[in-house]
Each structure stands twice: as structure tokens, then as C-alpha cells.
């Protein structure tokens, strides 16, 4: 994902994105 995944998804998914 191009945008900040941390604010859109869970911290755990931050690495998975």
C-alpha cells in the first residue's frame, strides 16, 4: 500500500500490507 497503513489498518497488518 502506498498510503500510511498504520492509520488505516491495525499495527499487525502494517507489515503485511
Protein backbone atom coordinates (compact mmCIF):
# COMPACT_ATOMS: atom_id res chain seq x y z
CA UNK A 1 0.00 0.00 0.00
CA UNK A 2 1.24 3.48 -0.85
CA UNK A 3 -0.51 5.39 1.92
CA UNK A 4 0.18 5.15 5.64
CA UNK A 5 -1.21 1.75 6.52
CA UNK A 6 -0.66 2.31 10.24
CA UNK A 7 -3.52 4.78 10.45
CA UNK A 8 -5.77 2.79 8.13
CA UNK A 9 -5.04 -0.74 9.32
CA UNK A 10 -4.04 -2.49 12.51
CA UNK A 11 -0.38 -2.39 13.68
CA UNK A 12 -0.14 -6.10 12.97
CA UNK A 13 -1.21 -5.63 9.36
CA UNK A 14 1.31 -2.83 8.93
CA UNK A 15 3.97 -5.34 7.91
CA UNK A 16 1.58 -7.47 5.89
CA UNK A 17 0.41 -4.60 3.72
